[in-house]
Amino acid sequence: MKKAVIFGFGGMGQRYYESLKKSKFDIIGICDKNLKKKKILKENIFFYKNYQKLLKVKSDLACITSNTSSRYKIILDLIKYSSIKRIITEKPLAISLEQAKKIESLCKKKKKENIS
């Protein structure tokens, strides 16, 4: 079974969670600044406040549904420090064209796939 992690567990993160479960993904970690959102989960899934802890998790897919202002840093750290090869990013990918181009360039360099 393929493994996935979710960065951000607001409305979109919860929709991704439901969709991934239906697609037979094993969701092995979620992060959100609000730890109270863990109560939404019925399964025992690792839930972190600090997203850097998820960078160390071995996974096939990362879904970035955090707010736009934090997304860029999370994506860069995923590309640079994580073994995850596929990244799905909720739109917008970045807050500027310059940021988007940097993400694209790093993905090519590190052979990672970013879907936005």
PDB file of N, CA and C in Angstrom:
ATOM      1  N   MET A   1       0.836  -1.175   0.000  1.00  0.00           N
ATOM      2  CA  MET A   1       0.000   0.000   0.000  1.00  0.00           C
ATOM      3  C   MET A   1       0.892   1.254   0.000  1.00  0.00           C
ATOM      4  N   LYS A   2       0.527   2.218  -0.806  1.00  0.00           N
ATOM      5  CA  LYS A   2       1.264   3.483  -0.882  1.00  0.00           C
ATOM      6  C   LYS A   2       1.031   4.300   0.385  1.00  0.00           C
ATOM      7  N   LYS A   3       2.053   5.055   0.782  1.00  0.00           N
ATOM      8  CA  LYS A   3       1.990   5.853   1.998  1.00  0.00           C
ATOM      9  C   LYS A   3       1.944   7.333   1.658  1.00  0.00           C
ATOM     10  N   ALA A   4       1.204   8.099   2.483  1.00  0.00           N
ATOM     11  CA  ALA A   4       1.056   9.537   2.250  1.00  0.00           C
ATOM     12  C   ALA A   4       1.137  10.300   3.566  1.00  0.00           C
ATOM     13  N   VAL A   5       1.560  11.556   3.454  1.00  0.00           N
ATOM     14  CA  VAL A   5       1.545  12.488   4.579  1.00  0.00           C
ATOM     15  C   VAL A   5       0.822  13.762   4.134  1.00  0.00           C
ATOM     16  N   ILE A   6       0.254  14.461   5.102  1.00  0.00           N
ATOM     17  CA  ILE A   6      -0.500  15.683   4.811  1.00  0.00           C
ATOM     18  C   ILE A   6       0.047  16.820   5.661  1.00  0.00           C
ATOM     19  N   PHE A   7       0.380  17.925   5.008  1.00  0.00           N
ATOM     20  CA  PHE A   7       0.858  19.127   5.683  1.00  0.00           C
ATOM     21  C   PHE A   7      -0.273  20.147   5.686  1.00  0.00           C
ATOM     22  N   GLY A   8      -0.906  20.350   6.821  1.00  0.00           N
ATOM     23  CA  GLY A   8      -2.052  21.254   6.947  1.00  0.00           C
ATOM     24  C   GLY A   8      -3.331  20.444   7.024  1.00  0.00           C
ATOM     25  N   PHE A   9      -4.103  20.624   8.104  1.00  0.00           N
ATOM     26  CA  PHE A   9      -5.297  19.793   8.290  1.00  0.00           C
ATOM     27  C   PHE A   9      -6.545  20.648   8.510  1.00  0.00           C
ATOM     28  N   GLY A  10      -6.616  21.727   7.717  1.00  0.00           N
ATOM     29  CA  GLY A  10      -7.840  22.530   7.701  1.00  0.00           C
ATOM     30  C   GLY A  10      -8.859  21.852   6.790  1.00  0.00           C
ATOM     31  N   GLY A  11      -9.747  22.626   6.219  1.00  0.00           N
ATOM     32  CA  GLY A  11     -10.789  22.069   5.357  1.00  0.00           C
ATOM     33  C   GLY A  11     -10.250  21.258   4.188  1.00  0.00           C
ATOM     34  N   MET A  12      -9.275  21.812   3.466  1.00  0.00           N
ATOM     35  CA  MET A  12      -8.720  21.088   2.316  1.00  0.00           C
ATOM     36  C   MET A  12      -7.924  19.872   2.754  1.00  0.00           C
ATOM     37  N   GLY A  13      -7.167  19.987   3.817  1.00  0.00           N
ATOM     38  CA  GLY A  13      -6.401  18.857   4.319  1.00  0.00           C
ATOM     39  C   GLY A  13      -7.309  17.698   4.701  1.00  0.00           C
ATOM     40  N   GLN A  14      -8.445  18.029   5.284  1.00  0.00           N
ATOM     41  CA  GLN A  14      -9.408  16.987   5.664  1.00  0.00           C
ATOM     42  C   GLN A  14     -10.044  16.349   4.433  1.00  0.00           C
ATOM     43  N   ARG A  15     -10.255  17.115   3.381  1.00  0.00           N
ATOM     44  CA  ARG A  15     -10.776  16.543   2.127  1.00  0.00           C
ATOM     45  C   ARG A  15      -9.743  15.615   1.481  1.00  0.00           C
ATOM     46  N   TYR A  16      -8.494  16.045   1.477  1.00  0.00           N
ATOM     47  CA  TYR A  16      -7.423  15.186   0.960  1.00  0.00           C
ATOM     48  C   TYR A  16      -7.345  13.891   1.766  1.00  0.00           C
ATOM     49  N   TYR A  17      -7.460  14.016   3.073  1.00  0.00           N
ATOM     50  CA  TYR A  17      -7.424  12.859   3.961  1.00  0.00           C
ATOM     51  C   TYR A  17      -8.500  11.837   3.557  1.00  0.00           C
ATOM     52  N   GLU A  18      -9.717  12.303   3.387  1.00  0.00           N
ATOM     53  CA  GLU A  18     -10.823  11.406   3.000  1.00  0.00           C
ATOM     54  C   GLU A  18     -10.582  10.795   1.623  1.00  0.00           C
ATOM     55  N   SER A  19     -10.122  11.604   0.675  1.00  0.00           N
ATOM     56  CA  SER A  19      -9.866  11.103  -0.684  1.00  0.00           C
ATOM     57  C   SER A  19      -8.738  10.072  -0.700  1.00  0.00           C
ATOM     58  N   LEU A  20      -7.685  10.338   0.041  1.00  0.00           N
ATOM     59  CA  LEU A  20      -6.562   9.396   0.088  1.00  0.00           C
ATOM     60  C   LEU A  20      -6.980   8.074   0.718  1.00  0.00           C
ATOM     61  N   LYS A  21      -7.799   8.140   1.749  1.00  0.00           N
ATOM     62  CA  LYS A  21      -8.288   6.900   2.382  1.00  0.00           C
ATOM     63  C   LYS A  21      -9.097   6.070   1.382  1.00  0.00           C
ATOM     64  N   LYS A  22      -9.954   6.730   0.619  1.00  0.00           N
ATOM     65  CA  LYS A  22     -10.764   6.025  -0.384  1.00  0.00           C
ATOM     66  C   LYS A  22      -9.895   5.452  -1.495  1.00  0.00           C
ATOM     67  N   SER A  23      -8.764   6.094  -1.760  1.00  0.00           N
ATOM     68  CA  SER A  23      -7.847   5.631  -2.804  1.00  0.00           C
ATOM     69  C   SER A  23      -6.873   4.587  -2.285  1.00  0.00           C
ATOM     70  N   LYS A  24      -7.116   4.116  -1.084  1.00  0.00           N
ATOM     71  CA  LYS A  24      -6.312   3.052  -0.463  1.00  0.00           C
ATOM     72  C   LYS A  24      -4.878   3.466  -0.148  1.00  0.00           C
ATOM     73  N   PHE A  25      -4.690   4.750   0.179  1.00  0.00           N
ATOM     74  CA  PHE A  25      -3.399   5.202   0.682  1.00  0.00           C
ATOM     75  C   PHE A  25      -3.364   4.988   2.185  1.00  0.00           C
ATOM     76  N   ASP A  26      -2.213   4.657   2.697  1.00  0.00           N
ATOM     77  CA  ASP A  26      -1.996   4.559   4.129  1.00  0.00           C
ATOM     78  C   ASP A  26      -1.466   5.915   4.580  1.00  0.00           C
ATOM     79  N   ILE A  27      -2.273   6.676   5.289  1.00  0.00           N
ATOM     80  CA  ILE A  27      -1.862   8.002   5.746  1.00  0.00           C
ATOM     81  C   ILE A  27      -1.073   7.798   7.033  1.00  0.00           C
ATOM     82  N   ILE A  28       0.218   8.105   6.974  1.00  0.00           N
ATOM     83  CA  ILE A  28       1.097   7.775   8.091  1.00  0.00           C
ATOM     84  C   ILE A  28       1.489   8.983   8.934  1.00  0.00           C
ATOM     85  N   GLY A  29       1.107  10.178   8.514  1.00  0.00           N
ATOM     86  CA  GLY A  29       1.422  11.357   9.307  1.00  0.00           C
ATOM     87  C   GLY A  29       0.710  12.593   8.809  1.00  0.00           C
ATOM     88  N   ILE A  30       0.350  13.446   9.763  1.00  0.00           N
ATOM     89  CA  ILE A  30      -0.314  14.715   9.462  1.00  0.00           C
ATOM     90  C   ILE A  30       0.308  15.771  10.365  1.00  0.00           C
ATOM     91  N   CYS A  31       0.430  16.989   9.841  1.00  0.00           N
ATOM     92  CA  CYS A  31       0.865  18.072  10.723  1.00  0.00           C
ATOM     93  C   CYS A  31      -0.071  19.264  10.557  1.00  0.00           C
ATOM     94  N   ASP A  32      -0.269  19.943  11.656  1.00  0.00           N
ATOM     95  CA  ASP A  32      -1.068  21.156  11.677  1.00  0.00           C
ATOM     96  C   ASP A  32      -0.706  21.898  12.960  1.00  0.00           C
ATOM     97  N   LYS A  33      -0.720  23.210  12.918  1.00  0.00           N
ATOM     98  CA  LYS A  33      -0.379  23.993  14.104  1.00  0.00           C
ATOM     99  C   LYS A  33      -1.393  23.807  15.228  1.00  0.00           C
ATOM    100  N   ASN A  34      -2.605  23.426  14.871  1.00  0.00           N
ATOM    101  CA  ASN A  34      -3.667  23.228  15.856  1.00  0.00           C
ATOM    102  C   ASN A  34      -3.796  21.739  16.191  1.00  0.00           C
ATOM    103  N   LEU A  35      -3.202  21.335  17.295  1.00  0.00           N
ATOM    104  CA  LEU A  35      -3.217  19.920  17.674  1.00  0.00           C
ATOM    105  C   LEU A  35      -4.613  19.409  18.030  1.00  0.00           C
ATOM    106  N   LYS A  36      -5.562  20.307  18.289  1.00  0.00           N
ATOM    107  CA  LYS A  36      -6.932  19.884  18.605  1.00  0.00           C
ATOM    108  C   LYS A  36      -7.601  19.205  17.408  1.00  0.00           C
ATOM    109  N   LYS A  37      -7.092  19.458  16.207  1.00  0.00           N
ATOM    110  CA  LYS A  37      -7.680  18.850  15.009  1.00  0.00           C
ATOM    111  C   LYS A  37      -7.463  17.346  14.965  1.00  0.00           C
ATOM    112  N   LYS A  38      -6.551  16.847  15.775  1.00  0.00           N
ATOM    113  CA  LYS A  38      -6.319  15.400  15.829  1.00  0.00           C
ATOM    114  C   LYS A  38      -7.589  14.657  16.249  1.00  0.00           C
ATOM    115  N   LYS A  39      -8.448  15.317  17.015  1.00  0.00           N
ATOM    116  CA  LYS A  39      -9.691  14.702  17.487  1.00  0.00           C
ATOM    117  C   LYS A  39     -10.610  14.308  16.332  1.00  0.00           C
ATOM    118  N   ILE A  40     -10.424  14.930  15.173  1.00  0.00           N
ATOM    119  CA  ILE A  40     -11.233  14.623  13.990  1.00  0.00           C
ATOM    120  C   ILE A  40     -10.944  13.207  13.505  1.00  0.00           C
ATOM    121  N   LEU A  41      -9.711  12.749  13.711  1.00  0.00           N
ATOM    122  CA  LEU A  41      -9.285  11.448  13.194  1.00  0.00           C
ATOM    123  C   LEU A  41      -9.864  10.311  14.027  1.00  0.00           C
ATOM    124  N   LYS A  42     -10.286   9.267  13.336  1.00  0.00           N
ATOM    125  CA  LYS A  42     -10.757   8.068  14.021  1.00  0.00           C
ATOM    126  C   LYS A  42      -9.638   7.035  14.154  1.00  0.00           C
ATOM    127  N   GLU A  43      -8.648   7.128  13.282  1.00  0.00           N
ATOM    128  CA  GLU A  43      -7.504   6.220  13.312  1.00  0.00           C
ATOM    129  C   GLU A  43      -6.392   6.809  14.172  1.00  0.00           C
ATOM    130  N   ASN A  44      -5.484   5.954  14.554  1.00  0.00           N
ATOM    131  CA  ASN A  44      -4.317   6.394  15.314  1.00  0.00           C
ATOM    132  C   ASN A  44      -3.208   6.738  14.320  1.00  0.00           C
ATOM    133  N   ILE A  45      -3.130   8.000  13.956  1.00  0.00           N
ATOM    134  CA  ILE A  45      -2.148   8.491  12.978  1.00  0.00           C
ATOM    135  C   ILE A  45      -1.251   9.493  13.682  1.00  0.00           C
ATOM    136  N   PHE A  46       0.054   9.433  13.388  1.00  0.00           N
ATOM    137  CA  PHE A  46       0.960  10.412  13.964  1.00  0.00           C
ATOM    138  C   PHE A  46       0.512  11.812  13.560  1.00  0.00           C
ATOM    139  N   PHE A  47       0.389  12.691  14.521  1.00  0.00           N
ATOM    140  CA  PHE A  47      -0.078  14.055  14.290  1.00  0.00           C
ATOM    141  C   PHE A  47       0.920  15.001  14.957  1.00  0.00           C
ATOM    142  N   TYR A  48       1.528  15.870  14.150  1.00  0.00           N
ATOM    143  CA  TYR A  48       2.584  16.750  14.633  1.00  0.00           C
ATOM    144  C   TYR A  48       2.190  18.210  14.502  1.00  0.00           C
ATOM    145  N   LYS A  49       2.697  19.017  15.400  1.00  0.00           N
ATOM    146  CA  LYS A  49       2.541  20.464  15.286  1.00  0.00           C
ATOM    147  C   LYS A  49       3.666  21.029  14.428  1.00  0.00           C
ATOM    148  N   ASN A  50       4.832  20.433  14.504  1.00  0.00           N
ATOM    149  CA  ASN A  50       6.017  20.892  13.791  1.00  0.00           C
ATOM    150  C   ASN A  50       6.178  20.085  12.491  1.00  0.00           C
ATOM    151  N   TYR A  51       6.073  20.745  11.351  1.00  0.00           N
ATOM    152  CA  TYR A  51       6.112  20.033  10.076  1.00  0.00           C
ATOM    153  C   TYR A  51       7.454  19.356   9.797  1.00  0.00           C
ATOM    154  N   GLN A  52       8.543  19.842  10.403  1.00  0.00           N
ATOM    155  CA  GLN A  52       9.858  19.245  10.147  1.00  0.00           C
ATOM    156  C   GLN A  52       9.907  17.765  10.539  1.00  0.00           C
ATOM    157  N   LYS A  53       9.094  17.365  11.495  1.00  0.00           N
ATOM    158  CA  LYS A  53       9.071  15.958  11.909  1.00  0.00           C
ATOM    159  C   LYS A  53       8.558  15.064  10.789  1.00  0.00           C
ATOM    160  N   LEU A  54       7.678  15.591   9.951  1.00  0.00           N
ATOM    161  CA  LEU A  54       7.157  14.799   8.827  1.00  0.00           C
ATOM    162  C   LEU A  54       8.176  14.659   7.699  1.00  0.00           C
ATOM    163  N   LEU A  55       9.170  15.526   7.660  1.00  0.00           N
ATOM    164  CA  LEU A  55      10.190  15.446   6.609  1.00  0.00           C
ATOM    165  C   LEU A  55      10.986  14.147   6.712  1.00  0.00           C
ATOM    166  N   LYS A  56      11.057  13.591   7.896  1.00  0.00           N
ATOM    167  CA  LYS A  56      11.852  12.378   8.140  1.00  0.00           C
ATOM    168  C   LYS A  56      11.073  11.099   7.856  1.00  0.00           C
ATOM    169  N   VAL A  57       9.773  11.211   7.670  1.00  0.00           N
ATOM    170  CA  VAL A  57       8.917  10.038   7.459  1.00  0.00           C
ATOM    171  C   VAL A  57       9.105   9.512   6.040  1.00  0.00           C
ATOM    172  N   LYS A  58       9.215   8.217   5.911  1.00  0.00           N
ATOM    173  CA  LYS A  58       9.354   7.592   4.587  1.00  0.00           C
ATOM    174  C   LYS A  58       7.955   7.436   3.985  1.00  0.00           C
ATOM    175  N   SER A  59       7.718   8.136   2.891  1.00  0.00           N
ATOM    176  CA  SER A  59       6.387   8.172   2.289  1.00  0.00           C
ATOM    177  C   SER A  59       6.505   8.280   0.771  1.00  0.00           C
ATOM    178  N   ASP A  60       5.438   7.896   0.082  1.00  0.00           N
ATOM    179  CA  ASP A  60       5.401   7.979  -1.378  1.00  0.00           C
ATOM    180  C   ASP A  60       4.868   9.321  -1.868  1.00  0.00           C
ATOM    181  N   LEU A  61       4.049   9.980  -1.030  1.00  0.00           N
ATOM    182  CA  LEU A  61       3.328  11.169  -1.462  1.00  0.00           C
ATOM    183  C   LEU A  61       3.199  12.155  -0.308  1.00  0.00           C
ATOM    184  N   ALA A  62       3.364  13.437  -0.623  1.00  0.00           N
ATOM    185  CA  ALA A  62       3.108  14.512   0.336  1.00  0.00           C
ATOM    186  C   ALA A  62       2.049  15.427  -0.249  1.00  0.00           C
ATOM    187  N   CYS A  63       1.037  15.745   0.551  1.00  0.00           N
ATOM    188  CA  CYS A  63      -0.009  16.690   0.149  1.00  0.00           C
ATOM    189  C   CYS A  63       0.161  17.951   0.981  1.00  0.00           C
ATOM    190  N   ILE A  64       0.346  19.076   0.293  1.00  0.00           N
ATOM    191  CA  ILE A  64       0.559  20.358   0.970  1.00  0.00           C
ATOM    192  C   ILE A  64      -0.736  21.156   0.889  1.00  0.00           C
ATOM    193  N   THR A  65      -1.443  21.254   2.018  1.00  0.00           N
ATOM    194  CA  THR A  65      -2.699  22.005   2.056  1.00  0.00           C
ATOM    195  C   THR A  65      -2.653  23.094   3.116  1.00  0.00           C
ATOM    196  N   SER A  66      -1.450  23.442   3.539  1.00  0.00           N
ATOM    197  CA  SER A  66      -1.278  24.506   4.531  1.00  0.00           C
ATOM    198  C   SER A  66      -1.645  25.850   3.908  1.00  0.00           C
ATOM    199  N   ASN A  67      -1.661  26.894   4.735  1.00  0.00           N
ATOM    200  CA  ASN A  67      -2.004  28.208   4.181  1.00  0.00           C
ATOM    201  C   ASN A  67      -0.907  28.676   3.219  1.00  0.00           C
ATOM    202  N   THR A  68      -1.261  29.565   2.346  1.00  0.00           N
ATOM    203  CA  THR A  68      -0.369  30.002   1.271  1.00  0.00           C
ATOM    204  C   THR A  68       0.936  30.586   1.799  1.00  0.00           C
ATOM    205  N   SER A  69       0.873  31.318   2.883  1.00  0.00           N
ATOM    206  CA  SER A  69       2.088  31.971   3.392  1.00  0.00           C
ATOM    207  C   SER A  69       3.126  30.980   3.912  1.00  0.00           C
ATOM    208  N   SER A  70       2.705  29.817   4.390  1.00  0.00           N
ATOM    209  CA  SER A  70       3.665  28.828   4.915  1.00  0.00           C
ATOM    210  C   SER A  70       4.062  27.778   3.881  1.00  0.00           C
ATOM    211  N   ARG A  71       3.336  27.709   2.811  1.00  0.00           N
ATOM    212  CA  ARG A  71       3.506  26.641   1.810  1.00  0.00           C
ATOM    213  C   ARG A  71       4.892  26.614   1.173  1.00  0.00           C
ATOM    214  N   TYR A  72       5.406  27.756   0.812  1.00  0.00           N
ATOM    215  CA  TYR A  72       6.689  27.839   0.102  1.00  0.00           C
ATOM    216  C   TYR A  72       7.818  27.198   0.906  1.00  0.00           C
ATOM    217  N   LYS A  73       7.931  27.545   2.173  1.00  0.00           N
ATOM    218  CA  LYS A  73       8.986  27.001   3.037  1.00  0.00           C
ATOM    219  C   LYS A  73       8.827  25.486   3.186  1.00  0.00           C
ATOM    220  N   ILE A  74       7.620  25.018   3.355  1.00  0.00           N
ATOM    221  CA  ILE A  74       7.369  23.575   3.495  1.00  0.00           C
ATOM    222  C   ILE A  74       7.790  22.844   2.226  1.00  0.00           C
ATOM    223  N   ILE A  75       7.404  23.376   1.075  1.00  0.00           N
ATOM    224  CA  ILE A  75       7.748  22.733  -0.200  1.00  0.00           C
ATOM    225  C   ILE A  75       9.262  22.691  -0.386  1.00  0.00           C
ATOM    226  N   LEU A  76       9.939  23.814  -0.135  1.00  0.00           N
ATOM    227  CA  LEU A  76      11.402  23.834  -0.279  1.00  0.00           C
ATOM    228  C   LEU A  76      12.068  22.800   0.629  1.00  0.00           C
ATOM    229  N   ASP A  77      11.614  22.718   1.870  1.00  0.00           N
ATOM    230  CA  ASP A  77      12.191  21.745   2.797  1.00  0.00           C
ATOM    231  C   ASP A  77      11.907  20.312   2.355  1.00  0.00           C
ATOM    232  N   LEU A  78      10.721  20.072   1.835  1.00  0.00           N
ATOM    233  CA  LEU A  78      10.399  18.735   1.309  1.00  0.00           C
ATOM    234  C   LEU A  78      11.324  18.357   0.160  1.00  0.00           C
ATOM    235  N   ILE A  79      11.527  19.290  -0.747  1.00  0.00           N
ATOM    236  CA  ILE A  79      12.383  19.026  -1.908  1.00  0.00           C
ATOM    237  C   ILE A  79      13.825  18.776  -1.462  1.00  0.00           C
ATOM    238  N   LYS A  80      14.318  19.600  -0.553  1.00  0.00           N
ATOM    239  CA  LYS A  80      15.715  19.524  -0.145  1.00  0.00           C
ATOM    240  C   LYS A  80      16.025  18.370   0.805  1.00  0.00           C
ATOM    241  N   TYR A  81      15.137  18.112   1.765  1.00  0.00           N
ATOM    242  CA  TYR A  81      15.503  17.235   2.879  1.00  0.00           C
ATOM    243  C   TYR A  81      14.703  15.940   2.993  1.00  0.00           C
ATOM    244  N   SER A  82      13.739  15.733   2.137  1.00  0.00           N
ATOM    245  CA  SER A  82      12.878  14.556   2.271  1.00  0.00           C
ATOM    246  C   SER A  82      13.120  13.568   1.136  1.00  0.00           C
ATOM    247  N   SER A  83      12.823  12.308   1.396  1.00  0.00           N
ATOM    248  CA  SER A  83      12.939  11.287   0.355  1.00  0.00           C
ATOM    249  C   SER A  83      11.665  11.182  -0.484  1.00  0.00           C
ATOM    250  N   ILE A  84      10.653  11.933  -0.126  1.00  0.00           N
ATOM    251  CA  ILE A  84       9.375  11.896  -0.846  1.00  0.00           C
ATOM    252  C   ILE A  84       9.577  12.406  -2.271  1.00  0.00           C
ATOM    253  N   LYS A  85       9.098  11.648  -3.248  1.00  0.00           N
ATOM    254  CA  LYS A  85       9.310  11.977  -4.661  1.00  0.00           C
ATOM    255  C   LYS A  85       8.134  12.719  -5.299  1.00  0.00           C
ATOM    256  N   ARG A  86       6.920  12.543  -4.757  1.00  0.00           N
ATOM    257  CA  ARG A  86       5.738  13.189  -5.339  1.00  0.00           C
ATOM    258  C   ARG A  86       5.104  14.130  -4.327  1.00  0.00           C
ATOM    259  N   ILE A  87       4.879  15.366  -4.779  1.00  0.00           N
ATOM    260  CA  ILE A  87       4.310  16.391  -3.921  1.00  0.00           C
ATOM    261  C   ILE A  87       3.082  16.972  -4.620  1.00  0.00           C
ATOM    262  N   ILE A  88       1.959  16.913  -3.941  1.00  0.00           N
ATOM    263  CA  ILE A  88       0.745  17.558  -4.445  1.00  0.00           C
ATOM    264  C   ILE A  88       0.557  18.832  -3.633  1.00  0.00           C
ATOM    265  N   THR A  89       0.428  19.947  -4.323  1.00  0.00           N
ATOM    266  CA  THR A  89       0.296  21.240  -3.654  1.00  0.00           C
ATOM    267  C   THR A  89      -1.045  21.861  -4.007  1.00  0.00           C
ATOM    268  N   GLU A  90      -1.776  22.242  -2.980  1.00  0.00           N
ATOM    269  CA  GLU A  90      -3.018  22.977  -3.190  1.00  0.00           C
ATOM    270  C   GLU A  90      -2.663  24.324  -3.792  1.00  0.00           C
ATOM    271  N   LYS A  91      -3.509  24.862  -4.652  1.00  0.00           N
ATOM    272  CA  LYS A  91      -3.189  26.131  -5.289  1.00  0.00           C
ATOM    273  C   LYS A  91      -3.532  27.310  -4.387  1.00  0.00           C
ATOM    274  N   PRO A  92      -2.836  28.386  -4.532  1.00  0.00           N
ATOM    275  CA  PRO A  92      -1.731  28.611  -5.456  1.00  0.00           C
ATOM    276  C   PRO A  92      -0.443  27.938  -4.964  1.00  0.00           C
ATOM    277  N   LEU A  93       0.385  27.567  -5.905  1.00  0.00           N
ATOM    278  CA  LEU A  93       1.657  26.929  -5.593  1.00  0.00           C
ATOM    279  C   LEU A  93       2.532  27.839  -4.739  1.00  0.00           C
ATOM    280  N   ALA A  94       2.573  29.116  -5.067  1.00  0.00           N
ATOM    281  CA  ALA A  94       3.424  30.082  -4.369  1.00  0.00           C
ATOM    282  C   ALA A  94       2.772  31.462  -4.468  1.00  0.00           C
ATOM    283  N   ILE A  95       3.350  32.404  -3.747  1.00  0.00           N
ATOM    284  CA  ILE A  95       2.763  33.748  -3.785  1.00  0.00           C
ATOM    285  C   ILE A  95       3.380  34.636  -4.857  1.00  0.00           C
ATOM    286  N   SER A  96       4.403  34.126  -5.551  1.00  0.00           N
ATOM    287  CA  SER A  96       5.003  34.906  -6.634  1.00  0.00           C
ATOM    288  C   SER A  96       5.496  33.967  -7.728  1.00  0.00           C
ATOM    289  N   LEU A  97       5.666  34.514  -8.909  1.00  0.00           N
ATOM    290  CA  LEU A  97       6.206  33.753 -10.029  1.00  0.00           C
ATOM    291  C   LEU A  97       7.638  33.312  -9.721  1.00  0.00           C
ATOM    292  N   GLU A  98       8.391  34.169  -9.058  1.00  0.00           N
ATOM    293  CA  GLU A  98       9.777  33.844  -8.693  1.00  0.00           C
ATOM    294  C   GLU A  98       9.834  32.605  -7.784  1.00  0.00           C
ATOM    295  N   GLN A  99       8.952  32.548  -6.801  1.00  0.00           N
ATOM    296  CA  GLN A  99       8.900  31.374  -5.917  1.00  0.00           C
ATOM    297  C   GLN A  99       8.512  30.118  -6.699  1.00  0.00           C
ATOM    298  N   ALA A 100       7.530  30.241  -7.569  1.00  0.00           N
ATOM    299  CA  ALA A 100       7.082  29.090  -8.362  1.00  0.00           C
ATOM    300  C   ALA A 100       8.215  28.565  -9.245  1.00  0.00           C
ATOM    301  N   LYS A 101       8.968  29.470  -9.848  1.00  0.00           N
ATOM    302  CA  LYS A 101      10.092  29.063 -10.702  1.00  0.00           C
ATOM    303  C   LYS A 101      11.185  28.373  -9.888  1.00  0.00           C
ATOM    304  N   LYS A 102      11.428  28.859  -8.669  1.00  0.00           N
ATOM    305  CA  LYS A 102      12.431  28.222  -7.817  1.00  0.00           C
ATOM    306  C   LYS A 102      11.988  26.805  -7.445  1.00  0.00           C
ATOM    307  N   ILE A 103      10.717  26.630  -7.138  1.00  0.00           N
ATOM    308  CA  ILE A 103      10.184  25.297  -6.812  1.00  0.00           C
ATOM    309  C   ILE A 103      10.359  24.373  -8.007  1.00  0.00           C
ATOM    310  N   GLU A 104       9.981  24.858  -9.188  1.00  0.00           N
ATOM    311  CA  GLU A 104      10.101  24.055 -10.407  1.00  0.00           C
ATOM    312  C   GLU A 104      11.555  23.653 -10.661  1.00  0.00           C
ATOM    313  N   SER A 105      12.458  24.597 -10.508  1.00  0.00           N
ATOM    314  CA  SER A 105      13.873  24.338 -10.744  1.00  0.00           C
ATOM    315  C   SER A 105      14.432  23.299  -9.759  1.00  0.00           C
ATOM    316  N   LEU A 106      14.105  23.459  -8.488  1.00  0.00           N
ATOM    317  CA  LEU A 106      14.581  22.503  -7.482  1.00  0.00           C
ATOM    318  C   LEU A 106      13.999  21.109  -7.697  1.00  0.00           C
ATOM    319  N   CYS A 107      12.733  21.045  -8.094  1.00  0.00           N
ATOM    320  CA  CYS A 107      12.111  19.744  -8.365  1.00  0.00           C
ATOM    321  C   CYS A 107      12.847  19.016  -9.487  1.00  0.00           C
ATOM    322  N   LYS A 108      13.175  19.734 -10.549  1.00  0.00           N
ATOM    323  CA  LYS A 108      13.916  19.125 -11.654  1.00  0.00           C
ATOM    324  C   LYS A 108      15.287  18.661 -11.196  1.00  0.00           C
ATOM    325  N   LYS A 109      15.964  19.494 -10.442  1.00  0.00           N
ATOM    326  CA  LYS A 109      17.311  19.180  -9.966  1.00  0.00           C
ATOM    327  C   LYS A 109      17.311  17.944  -9.056  1.00  0.00           C
ATOM    328  N   LYS A 110      16.313  17.834  -8.184  1.00  0.00           N
ATOM    329  CA  LYS A 110      16.241  16.737  -7.214  1.00  0.00           C
ATOM    330  C   LYS A 110      15.382  15.561  -7.698  1.00  0.00           C
ATOM    331  N   LYS A 111      14.906  15.669  -8.963  1.00  0.00           N
ATOM    332  CA  LYS A 111      14.080  14.613  -9.583  1.00  0.00           C
ATOM    333  C   LYS A 111      12.826  14.298  -8.763  1.00  0.00           C
ATOM    334  N   LYS A 112      12.113  15.376  -8.442  1.00  0.00           N
ATOM    335  CA  LYS A 112      10.854  15.244  -7.700  1.00  0.00           C
ATOM    336  C   LYS A 112       9.724  15.776  -8.566  1.00  0.00           C
ATOM    337  N   GLU A 113       8.561  15.219  -8.369  1.00  0.00           N
ATOM    338  CA  GLU A 113       7.388  15.600  -9.144  1.00  0.00           C
ATOM    339  C   GLU A 113       6.480  16.448  -8.275  1.00  0.00           C
ATOM    340  N   ASN A 114       6.160  17.659  -8.740  1.00  0.00           N
ATOM    341  CA  ASN A 114       5.243  18.533  -8.019  1.00  0.00           C
ATOM    342  C   ASN A 114       3.998  18.747  -8.862  1.00  0.00           C
ATOM    343  N   ILE A 115       2.866  18.440  -8.276  1.00  0.00           N
ATOM    344  CA  ILE A 115       1.584  18.607  -8.959  1.00  0.00           C
ATOM    345  C   ILE A 115       0.831  19.696  -8.212  1.00  0.00           C
ATOM    346  N   SER A 116       0.435  20.726  -8.945  1.00  0.00           N
ATOM    347  CA  SER A 116      -0.267  21.826  -8.308  1.00  0.00           C
ATOM    348  C   SER A 116      -1.534  22.135  -9.074  1.00  0.00           C
TER     349      SER A 116
END
